[in-house]
């Protein structure tokens, strides 16, 4: 749309602080998950049975995916 200018509102101090804290929280959340993804090979050898590699991979995938179920439940429980 040519010639259309919308005036942007500046963020106040509280909004900037909220954006910063949310960014830090999001970074820590995904850092935790990516750390587990990269350590899955080591965790397979240490914690899961060694008789079947397919079972190891399934257990690693399940333990990774279970965080998406248990974290919201923990948030509901603890606030």
Protein backbone atom coordinates (compact mmCIF):
# COMPACT_ATOMS: atom_id res chain seq x y z
CA UNK A 1 0.00 0.00 0.00
CA UNK A 2 1.74 3.08 -1.20
CA UNK A 3 1.43 6.24 0.78
CA UNK A 4 0.05 4.54 3.89
CA UNK A 5 1.92 5.21 7.07
CA UNK A 6 0.85 3.85 10.39
CA UNK A 7 2.22 5.54 13.43
CA UNK A 8 4.05 3.07 15.63
CA UNK A 9 3.77 3.24 19.37
CA UNK A 10 6.93 3.13 21.44
CA UNK A 11 7.26 0.42 24.04
CA UNK A 12 7.32 1.52 27.63
CA UNK A 13 9.84 0.28 30.21
CA UNK A 14 7.65 -2.56 31.52
CA UNK A 15 6.99 -3.90 28.02
CA UNK A 16 10.70 -3.86 27.16
CA UNK A 17 11.49 -5.67 30.40
CA UNK A 18 8.79 -8.27 29.70
CA UNK A 19 10.16 -8.90 26.20
CA UNK A 20 13.68 -9.30 27.58
CA UNK A 21 12.63 -11.73 30.30
CA UNK A 22 10.50 -13.75 27.89
CA UNK A 23 13.42 -13.96 25.46
CA UNK A 24 15.73 -15.24 28.20
CA UNK A 25 13.14 -17.81 29.31
CA UNK A 26 12.59 -19.02 25.77
CA UNK A 27 16.33 -19.33 25.19
CA UNK A 28 16.78 -21.40 28.36
CA UNK A 29 13.81 -23.62 27.49
CA UNK A 30 15.09 -24.49 24.03
CA UNK A 31 18.70 -24.74 25.20
CA UNK A 32 17.59 -27.43 27.66
CA UNK A 33 15.79 -29.39 24.94
CA UNK A 34 18.61 -29.08 22.42
CA UNK A 35 21.13 -30.18 25.04
CA UNK A 36 19.11 -33.36 25.54
CA UNK A 37 18.89 -33.96 21.78
CA UNK A 38 22.67 -33.73 21.45
CA UNK A 39 23.28 -35.94 24.48
CA UNK A 40 20.76 -38.61 23.44
CA UNK A 41 23.51 -40.90 22.15
CA UNK A 42 25.35 -40.85 25.47
CA UNK A 43 22.15 -41.21 27.47
CA UNK A 44 21.15 -44.24 25.38
CA UNK A 45 24.33 -46.03 26.38
CA UNK A 46 24.08 -45.12 30.06
CA UNK A 47 20.40 -45.49 30.93
CA UNK A 48 18.65 -47.78 28.47
CA UNK A 49 19.04 -51.54 27.87
CA UNK A 50 21.71 -52.54 25.37
CA UNK A 51 20.03 -55.51 23.71
CA UNK A 52 18.16 -53.61 20.99
CA UNK A 53 19.16 -50.32 19.36
CA UNK A 54 15.63 -49.67 18.11
CA UNK A 55 14.28 -49.87 21.66
CA UNK A 56 17.03 -47.47 22.76
CA UNK A 57 16.03 -44.94 20.14
CA UNK A 58 12.34 -45.26 20.94
CA UNK A 59 12.98 -44.79 24.66
CA UNK A 60 15.15 -41.74 23.97
CA UNK A 61 12.46 -40.25 21.72
CA UNK A 62 9.78 -40.97 24.32
CA UNK A 63 11.76 -39.37 27.12
CA UNK A 64 12.38 -36.32 24.93
CA UNK A 65 8.71 -36.03 23.92
CA UNK A 66 7.49 -36.60 27.46
CA UNK A 67 8.82 -33.16 28.39
CA UNK A 68 6.14 -31.63 26.19
CA UNK A 69 3.52 -33.40 28.31
CA UNK A 70 4.96 -33.04 31.81
CA UNK A 71 6.12 -29.42 31.67
CA UNK A 72 2.61 -27.99 31.15
CA UNK A 73 1.30 -30.32 33.86
CA UNK A 74 3.99 -29.04 36.21
CA UNK A 75 3.05 -25.48 35.32
CA UNK A 76 -0.58 -26.18 36.20
CA UNK A 77 0.40 -27.89 39.43
CA UNK A 78 3.03 -25.44 40.67
CA UNK A 79 1.82 -22.27 38.98
